[in-house]
Amino acid sequence: LGGGEDEASVDERVRAIDERLEAIESATAEVRAERLLINLGFSDAMRARRMRQMSGGWRVRTMLACALFAAPDVLLLDEPTNHLSIDAVLWLARELATGSTWKDKIIIIVSHDRHFLDDAATDTLHVS
């Protein structure tokens, strides 16, 4: 063991890392990420690209996928339907409204898309 660590402290660190990986469901992470990207309209070719090879719209979709994948307790989405296809908009509305990931979580959506808000939100605040 390098750096002066004893076996007990290494075991403790490994155990902590293992607990964290389990908490974030790392065993299914790749499948969940791929499913998100597919639902947001990414083809096989698009999923193989690097971020720097994508247009601004595809980068926005990628950032949306990252936010959804993280599944935070509070999710703030600003115009999430921009750059999305109709199919992706419908999927996103359904996912936010009925997806088990979002049960008991707070989602704040800023959008001009009234139909999306009607489909995705339980409560709407209109600010003019």
N, C-alpha and C. Protein backbone atom coordinates (compact mmCIF):
# COMPACT_ATOMS: atom_id res chain seq x y z
N LEU A 1 0.85 -1.18 0.00
CA LEU A 1 0.00 0.00 0.00
C LEU A 1 0.89 1.23 0.00
N GLY A 2 0.63 2.12 -0.95
CA GLY A 2 1.47 3.31 -1.06
C GLY A 2 0.92 4.47 -0.26
N GLY A 3 1.75 5.45 -0.07
CA GLY A 3 1.32 6.69 0.56
C GLY A 3 1.06 6.60 2.04
N GLY A 4 1.49 5.54 2.71
CA GLY A 4 1.34 5.46 4.15
C GLY A 4 -0.05 5.03 4.62
N GLU A 5 -0.93 4.63 3.72
CA GLU A 5 -2.26 4.20 4.14
C GLU A 5 -2.20 2.77 4.66
N ASP A 6 -2.91 2.53 5.74
CA ASP A 6 -2.97 1.17 6.22
C ASP A 6 -4.15 0.45 5.57
N GLU A 7 -4.16 -0.85 5.71
CA GLU A 7 -5.18 -1.67 5.05
C GLU A 7 -6.59 -1.31 5.50
N ALA A 8 -6.77 -0.97 6.76
CA ALA A 8 -8.09 -0.62 7.29
C ALA A 8 -8.63 0.64 6.63
N SER A 9 -7.78 1.65 6.45
CA SER A 9 -8.27 2.89 5.84
C SER A 9 -8.57 2.69 4.37
N VAL A 10 -7.81 1.84 3.69
CA VAL A 10 -8.10 1.53 2.29
C VAL A 10 -9.42 0.79 2.19
N ASP A 11 -9.64 -0.19 3.07
CA ASP A 11 -10.90 -0.92 3.09
C ASP A 11 -12.07 0.02 3.34
N GLU A 12 -11.89 0.96 4.23
CA GLU A 12 -12.94 1.93 4.54
C GLU A 12 -13.25 2.80 3.32
N ARG A 13 -12.23 3.25 2.63
CA ARG A 13 -12.44 4.06 1.42
C ARG A 13 -13.14 3.26 0.33
N VAL A 14 -12.71 2.02 0.13
CA VAL A 14 -13.34 1.15 -0.87
C VAL A 14 -14.80 0.92 -0.52
N ARG A 15 -15.09 0.69 0.74
CA ARG A 15 -16.46 0.49 1.20
C ARG A 15 -17.31 1.74 0.94
N ALA A 16 -16.76 2.91 1.21
CA ALA A 16 -17.48 4.17 0.98
C ALA A 16 -17.76 4.37 -0.51
N ILE A 17 -16.78 4.07 -1.34
CA ILE A 17 -16.97 4.20 -2.79
C ILE A 17 -18.03 3.22 -3.26
N ASP A 18 -17.98 1.99 -2.76
CA ASP A 18 -18.96 0.98 -3.14
C ASP A 18 -20.38 1.40 -2.74
N GLU A 19 -20.53 1.97 -1.55
CA GLU A 19 -21.84 2.45 -1.09
C GLU A 19 -22.34 3.57 -1.99
N ARG A 20 -21.46 4.47 -2.37
CA ARG A 20 -21.85 5.59 -3.24
C ARG A 20 -22.28 5.08 -4.62
N LEU A 21 -21.52 4.13 -5.18
CA LEU A 21 -21.88 3.55 -6.47
C LEU A 21 -23.24 2.86 -6.41
N GLU A 22 -23.50 2.18 -5.31
CA GLU A 22 -24.79 1.53 -5.14
C GLU A 22 -25.91 2.56 -5.02
N ALA A 23 -25.65 3.64 -4.30
CA ALA A 23 -26.66 4.69 -4.11
C ALA A 23 -27.06 5.34 -5.43
N ILE A 24 -26.12 5.47 -6.35
CA ILE A 24 -26.44 6.10 -7.64
C ILE A 24 -26.81 5.07 -8.70
N GLU A 25 -26.99 3.83 -8.27
CA GLU A 25 -27.40 2.74 -9.16
C GLU A 25 -26.48 2.64 -10.37
N SER A 26 -25.19 2.57 -10.11
CA SER A 26 -24.20 2.56 -11.18
C SER A 26 -24.31 1.35 -12.10
N ALA A 27 -24.84 0.25 -11.61
CA ALA A 27 -24.96 -0.96 -12.43
C ALA A 27 -25.89 -0.76 -13.62
N THR A 28 -26.86 0.14 -13.49
CA THR A 28 -27.81 0.39 -14.57
C THR A 28 -27.61 1.75 -15.24
N ALA A 29 -26.57 2.45 -14.87
CA ALA A 29 -26.36 3.83 -15.35
C ALA A 29 -26.27 3.92 -16.86
N GLU A 30 -25.51 3.04 -17.48
CA GLU A 30 -25.33 3.13 -18.93
C GLU A 30 -26.65 2.91 -19.67
N VAL A 31 -27.42 1.94 -19.25
CA VAL A 31 -28.71 1.66 -19.89
C VAL A 31 -29.67 2.84 -19.69
N ARG A 32 -29.70 3.40 -18.47
CA ARG A 32 -30.58 4.54 -18.21
C ARG A 32 -30.17 5.76 -19.04
N ALA A 33 -28.88 6.00 -19.15
CA ALA A 33 -28.39 7.14 -19.94
C ALA A 33 -28.74 6.97 -21.41
N GLU A 34 -28.55 5.77 -21.93
CA GLU A 34 -28.87 5.52 -23.33
C GLU A 34 -30.36 5.70 -23.60
N ARG A 35 -31.19 5.21 -22.69
CA ARG A 35 -32.64 5.35 -22.84
C ARG A 35 -33.03 6.83 -22.86
N LEU A 36 -32.44 7.62 -21.98
CA LEU A 36 -32.71 9.06 -21.96
C LEU A 36 -32.35 9.71 -23.29
N LEU A 37 -31.16 9.41 -23.78
CA LEU A 37 -30.71 10.01 -25.04
C LEU A 37 -31.60 9.60 -26.21
N ILE A 38 -31.98 8.34 -26.25
CA ILE A 38 -32.87 7.88 -27.33
C ILE A 38 -34.21 8.61 -27.25
N ASN A 39 -34.78 8.72 -26.06
CA ASN A 39 -36.06 9.42 -25.90
C ASN A 39 -35.97 10.89 -26.25
N LEU A 40 -34.79 11.47 -26.14
CA LEU A 40 -34.60 12.88 -26.52
C LEU A 40 -34.21 13.02 -27.98
N GLY A 41 -34.23 11.92 -28.73
CA GLY A 41 -34.05 11.99 -30.18
C GLY A 41 -32.66 11.72 -30.70
N PHE A 42 -31.76 11.24 -29.86
CA PHE A 42 -30.39 10.96 -30.30
C PHE A 42 -30.35 9.63 -31.06
N SER A 43 -29.85 9.68 -32.29
CA SER A 43 -29.65 8.46 -33.07
C SER A 43 -28.38 7.76 -32.59
N ASP A 44 -28.13 6.56 -33.12
CA ASP A 44 -26.89 5.86 -32.78
C ASP A 44 -25.68 6.72 -33.13
N ALA A 45 -25.72 7.34 -34.31
CA ALA A 45 -24.60 8.18 -34.75
C ALA A 45 -24.40 9.39 -33.84
N MET A 46 -25.51 10.00 -33.40
CA MET A 46 -25.40 11.17 -32.52
C MET A 46 -24.83 10.76 -31.15
N ARG A 47 -25.24 9.61 -30.66
CA ARG A 47 -24.74 9.15 -29.35
C ARG A 47 -23.26 8.83 -29.39
N ALA A 48 -22.72 8.58 -30.57
CA ALA A 48 -21.29 8.28 -30.70
C ALA A 48 -20.43 9.53 -30.83
N ARG A 49 -21.06 10.69 -31.05
CA ARG A 49 -20.30 11.93 -31.24
C ARG A 49 -19.81 12.50 -29.93
N ARG A 50 -18.76 13.29 -30.02
CA ARG A 50 -18.26 14.07 -28.89
C ARG A 50 -19.04 15.38 -28.85
N MET A 51 -19.12 15.98 -27.67
CA MET A 51 -19.86 17.24 -27.51
C MET A 51 -19.38 18.31 -28.48
N ARG A 52 -18.09 18.41 -28.67
CA ARG A 52 -17.56 19.48 -29.53
C ARG A 52 -17.95 19.29 -30.99
N GLN A 53 -18.44 18.11 -31.35
CA GLN A 53 -18.88 17.83 -32.71
C GLN A 53 -20.37 18.13 -32.90
N MET A 54 -21.06 18.49 -31.84
CA MET A 54 -22.51 18.72 -31.91
C MET A 54 -22.82 20.19 -32.09
N SER A 55 -23.99 20.44 -32.69
CA SER A 55 -24.48 21.81 -32.82
C SER A 55 -24.97 22.28 -31.45
N GLY A 56 -25.27 23.56 -31.36
CA GLY A 56 -25.76 24.12 -30.10
C GLY A 56 -27.03 23.46 -29.62
N GLY A 57 -27.95 23.17 -30.52
CA GLY A 57 -29.20 22.52 -30.15
C GLY A 57 -29.00 21.13 -29.56
N TRP A 58 -28.09 20.37 -30.15
CA TRP A 58 -27.80 19.03 -29.63
C TRP A 58 -27.06 19.11 -28.31
N ARG A 59 -26.26 20.14 -28.13
CA ARG A 59 -25.59 20.31 -26.84
C ARG A 59 -26.61 20.62 -25.75
N VAL A 60 -27.62 21.41 -26.09
CA VAL A 60 -28.69 21.72 -25.13
C VAL A 60 -29.43 20.44 -24.75
N ARG A 61 -29.73 19.60 -25.74
CA ARG A 61 -30.38 18.32 -25.45
C ARG A 61 -29.51 17.47 -24.53
N THR A 62 -28.21 17.49 -24.78
CA THR A 62 -27.29 16.72 -23.94
C THR A 62 -27.31 17.22 -22.50
N MET A 63 -27.33 18.54 -22.34
CA MET A 63 -27.38 19.10 -20.98
C MET A 63 -28.70 18.76 -20.30
N LEU A 64 -29.80 18.75 -21.07
CA LEU A 64 -31.09 18.34 -20.52
C LEU A 64 -31.02 16.88 -20.06
N ALA A 65 -30.43 16.03 -20.88
CA ALA A 65 -30.27 14.62 -20.51
C ALA A 65 -29.46 14.48 -19.23
N CYS A 66 -28.40 15.27 -19.10
CA CYS A 66 -27.57 15.23 -17.88
C CYS A 66 -28.38 15.62 -16.65
N ALA A 67 -29.19 16.67 -16.79
CA ALA A 67 -30.00 17.12 -15.66
C ALA A 67 -31.03 16.05 -15.27
N LEU A 68 -31.66 15.45 -16.26
CA LEU A 68 -32.65 14.40 -15.98
C LEU A 68 -31.98 13.17 -15.38
N PHE A 69 -30.81 12.82 -15.89
CA PHE A 69 -30.09 11.65 -15.39
C PHE A 69 -29.71 11.81 -13.92
N ALA A 70 -29.32 13.02 -13.54
CA ALA A 70 -28.92 13.29 -12.16
C ALA A 70 -30.09 13.16 -11.19
N ALA A 71 -31.32 13.34 -11.69
CA ALA A 71 -32.53 13.20 -10.87
C ALA A 71 -32.43 13.96 -9.55
N PRO A 72 -32.18 15.27 -9.60
CA PRO A 72 -32.04 16.03 -8.36
C PRO A 72 -33.38 16.15 -7.63
N ASP A 73 -33.33 16.50 -6.36
CA ASP A 73 -34.56 16.70 -5.59
C ASP A 73 -35.34 17.90 -6.10
N VAL A 74 -34.63 18.90 -6.61
CA VAL A 74 -35.25 20.08 -7.21
C VAL A 74 -34.65 20.26 -8.60
N LEU A 75 -35.52 20.27 -9.62
CA LEU A 75 -35.09 20.40 -11.00
C LEU A 75 -35.67 21.69 -11.57
N LEU A 76 -34.82 22.55 -12.08
CA LEU A 76 -35.25 23.80 -12.71
C LEU A 76 -34.98 23.70 -14.19
N LEU A 77 -36.04 23.80 -14.99
CA LEU A 77 -35.92 23.71 -16.45
C LEU A 77 -36.38 25.03 -17.06
N ASP A 78 -35.51 25.64 -17.84
CA ASP A 78 -35.81 26.90 -18.52
C ASP A 78 -36.01 26.61 -20.00
N GLU A 79 -37.25 26.72 -20.47
CA GLU A 79 -37.62 26.45 -21.86
C GLU A 79 -37.08 25.08 -22.32
N PRO A 80 -37.45 24.02 -21.63
CA PRO A 80 -36.89 22.71 -21.95
C PRO A 80 -37.30 22.15 -23.30
N THR A 81 -38.36 22.69 -23.90
CA THR A 81 -38.81 22.15 -25.19
C THR A 81 -38.08 22.76 -26.38
N ASN A 82 -37.28 23.81 -26.14
CA ASN A 82 -36.50 24.37 -27.24
C ASN A 82 -35.56 23.30 -27.79
N HIS A 83 -35.46 23.22 -29.08
CA HIS A 83 -34.57 22.29 -29.79
C HIS A 83 -35.04 20.83 -29.71
N LEU A 84 -36.24 20.57 -29.19
CA LEU A 84 -36.73 19.20 -29.12
C LEU A 84 -37.72 18.92 -30.24
N SER A 85 -37.72 17.69 -30.72
CA SER A 85 -38.72 17.25 -31.69
C SER A 85 -40.06 17.09 -30.96
N ILE A 86 -41.13 16.97 -31.73
CA ILE A 86 -42.45 16.75 -31.13
C ILE A 86 -42.44 15.49 -30.27
N ASP A 87 -41.86 14.42 -30.80
CA ASP A 87 -41.81 13.16 -30.04
C ASP A 87 -41.06 13.34 -28.72
N ALA A 88 -39.96 14.08 -28.75
CA ALA A 88 -39.18 14.30 -27.53
C ALA A 88 -39.95 15.17 -26.54
N VAL A 89 -40.69 16.16 -27.04
CA VAL A 89 -41.51 17.02 -26.16
C VAL A 89 -42.58 16.18 -25.48
N LEU A 90 -43.25 15.33 -26.26
CA LEU A 90 -44.30 14.48 -25.69
C LEU A 90 -43.72 13.51 -24.65
N TRP A 91 -42.56 12.93 -24.95
CA TRP A 91 -41.92 12.03 -24.00
C TRP A 91 -41.55 12.78 -22.72
N LEU A 92 -40.94 13.96 -22.87
CA LEU A 92 -40.51 14.73 -21.70
C LEU A 92 -41.69 15.09 -20.81
N ALA A 93 -42.79 15.53 -21.41
CA ALA A 93 -43.98 15.87 -20.63
C ALA A 93 -44.49 14.65 -19.86
N ARG A 94 -44.55 13.52 -20.54
CA ARG A 94 -45.03 12.28 -19.91
C ARG A 94 -44.06 11.84 -18.80
N GLU A 95 -42.76 11.93 -19.07
CA GLU A 95 -41.75 11.53 -18.08
C GLU A 95 -41.84 12.38 -16.82
N LEU A 96 -41.95 13.69 -16.99
CA LEU A 96 -42.02 14.59 -15.83
C LEU A 96 -43.32 14.41 -15.05
N ALA A 97 -44.41 14.14 -15.77
CA ALA A 97 -45.72 14.01 -15.12
C ALA A 97 -45.91 12.66 -14.44
N THR A 98 -45.40 11.60 -15.04
CA THR A 98 -45.73 10.27 -14.53
C THR A 98 -44.53 9.38 -14.22
N GLY A 99 -43.33 9.82 -14.56
CA GLY A 99 -42.14 8.99 -14.32
C GLY A 99 -41.88 8.80 -12.84
N SER A 100 -41.54 7.58 -12.46
CA SER A 100 -41.32 7.27 -11.04
C SER A 100 -40.14 8.05 -10.47
N THR A 101 -39.20 8.45 -11.31
CA THR A 101 -38.05 9.24 -10.85
C THR A 101 -38.48 10.55 -10.22
N TRP A 102 -39.56 11.13 -10.73
CA TRP A 102 -39.95 12.49 -10.34
C TRP A 102 -41.02 12.54 -9.27
N LYS A 103 -41.48 11.37 -8.82
CA LYS A 103 -42.46 11.34 -7.74
C LYS A 103 -41.81 11.93 -6.49
N ASP A 104 -42.50 12.80 -5.82
CA ASP A 104 -42.03 13.44 -4.58
C ASP A 104 -40.83 14.37 -4.80
N LYS A 105 -40.66 14.86 -6.02
CA LYS A 105 -39.59 15.82 -6.29
C LYS A 105 -40.22 17.12 -6.78
N ILE A 106 -39.46 18.18 -6.69
CA ILE A 106 -39.94 19.49 -7.11
C ILE A 106 -39.35 19.79 -8.48
N ILE A 107 -40.23 20.14 -9.42
CA ILE A 107 -39.79 20.52 -10.76
C ILE A 107 -40.36 21.90 -11.05
N ILE A 108 -39.49 22.82 -11.36
CA ILE A 108 -39.90 24.18 -11.73
C ILE A 108 -39.59 24.34 -13.21
N ILE A 109 -40.62 24.65 -13.99
CA ILE A 109 -40.46 24.77 -15.44
C ILE A 109 -40.83 26.18 -15.86
N VAL A 110 -39.93 26.83 -16.57
CA VAL A 110 -40.21 28.11 -17.19
C VAL A 110 -40.42 27.81 -18.67
N SER A 111 -41.61 28.12 -19.18
CA SER A 111 -41.89 27.78 -20.58
C SER A 111 -43.01 28.65 -21.13
N HIS A 112 -42.92 28.91 -22.43
CA HIS A 112 -44.01 29.57 -23.15
C HIS A 112 -44.92 28.54 -23.81
N ASP A 113 -44.56 27.28 -23.71
CA ASP A 113 -45.32 26.20 -24.34
C ASP A 113 -46.43 25.75 -23.40
N ARG A 114 -47.59 26.36 -23.57
CA ARG A 114 -48.73 26.11 -22.67
C ARG A 114 -49.17 24.64 -22.71
N HIS A 115 -49.15 24.04 -23.89
CA HIS A 115 -49.56 22.63 -24.00
C HIS A 115 -48.60 21.72 -23.23
N PHE A 116 -47.31 22.00 -23.34
CA PHE A 116 -46.32 21.23 -22.59
C PHE A 116 -46.57 21.37 -21.09
N LEU A 117 -46.78 22.60 -20.64
CA LEU A 117 -47.02 22.84 -19.22
C LEU A 117 -48.27 22.11 -18.75
N ASP A 118 -49.33 22.15 -19.56
CA ASP A 118 -50.57 21.45 -19.20
C ASP A 118 -50.32 19.95 -19.03
N ASP A 119 -49.48 19.39 -19.90
CA ASP A 119 -49.21 17.96 -19.86
C ASP A 119 -48.23 17.56 -18.75
N ALA A 120 -47.28 18.45 -18.43
CA ALA A 120 -46.19 18.10 -17.52
C ALA A 120 -46.42 18.52 -16.08
N ALA A 121 -47.21 19.56 -15.87
CA ALA A 121 -47.28 20.17 -14.53
C ALA A 121 -48.60 19.86 -13.82
N THR A 122 -48.53 19.82 -12.50
CA THR A 122 -49.74 19.69 -11.70
C THR A 122 -50.26 21.06 -11.29
N ASP A 123 -49.37 22.02 -11.15
CA ASP A 123 -49.74 23.38 -10.77
C ASP A 123 -49.01 24.34 -11.69
N THR A 124 -49.72 25.41 -12.09
CA THR A 124 -49.11 26.39 -12.99
C THR A 124 -49.28 27.78 -12.42
N LEU A 125 -48.22 28.54 -12.46
CA LEU A 125 -48.25 29.94 -12.05
C LEU A 125 -48.00 30.77 -13.30
N HIS A 126 -48.96 31.60 -13.65
CA HIS A 126 -48.83 32.46 -14.83
C HIS A 126 -48.31 33.82 -14.38
N VAL A 127 -47.18 34.23 -14.92
CA VAL A 127 -46.59 35.53 -14.59
C VAL A 127 -46.61 36.38 -15.84
N SER A 128 -47.17 37.58 -15.71
CA SER A 128 -47.20 38.46 -16.90
C SER A 128 -46.56 39.80 -16.60
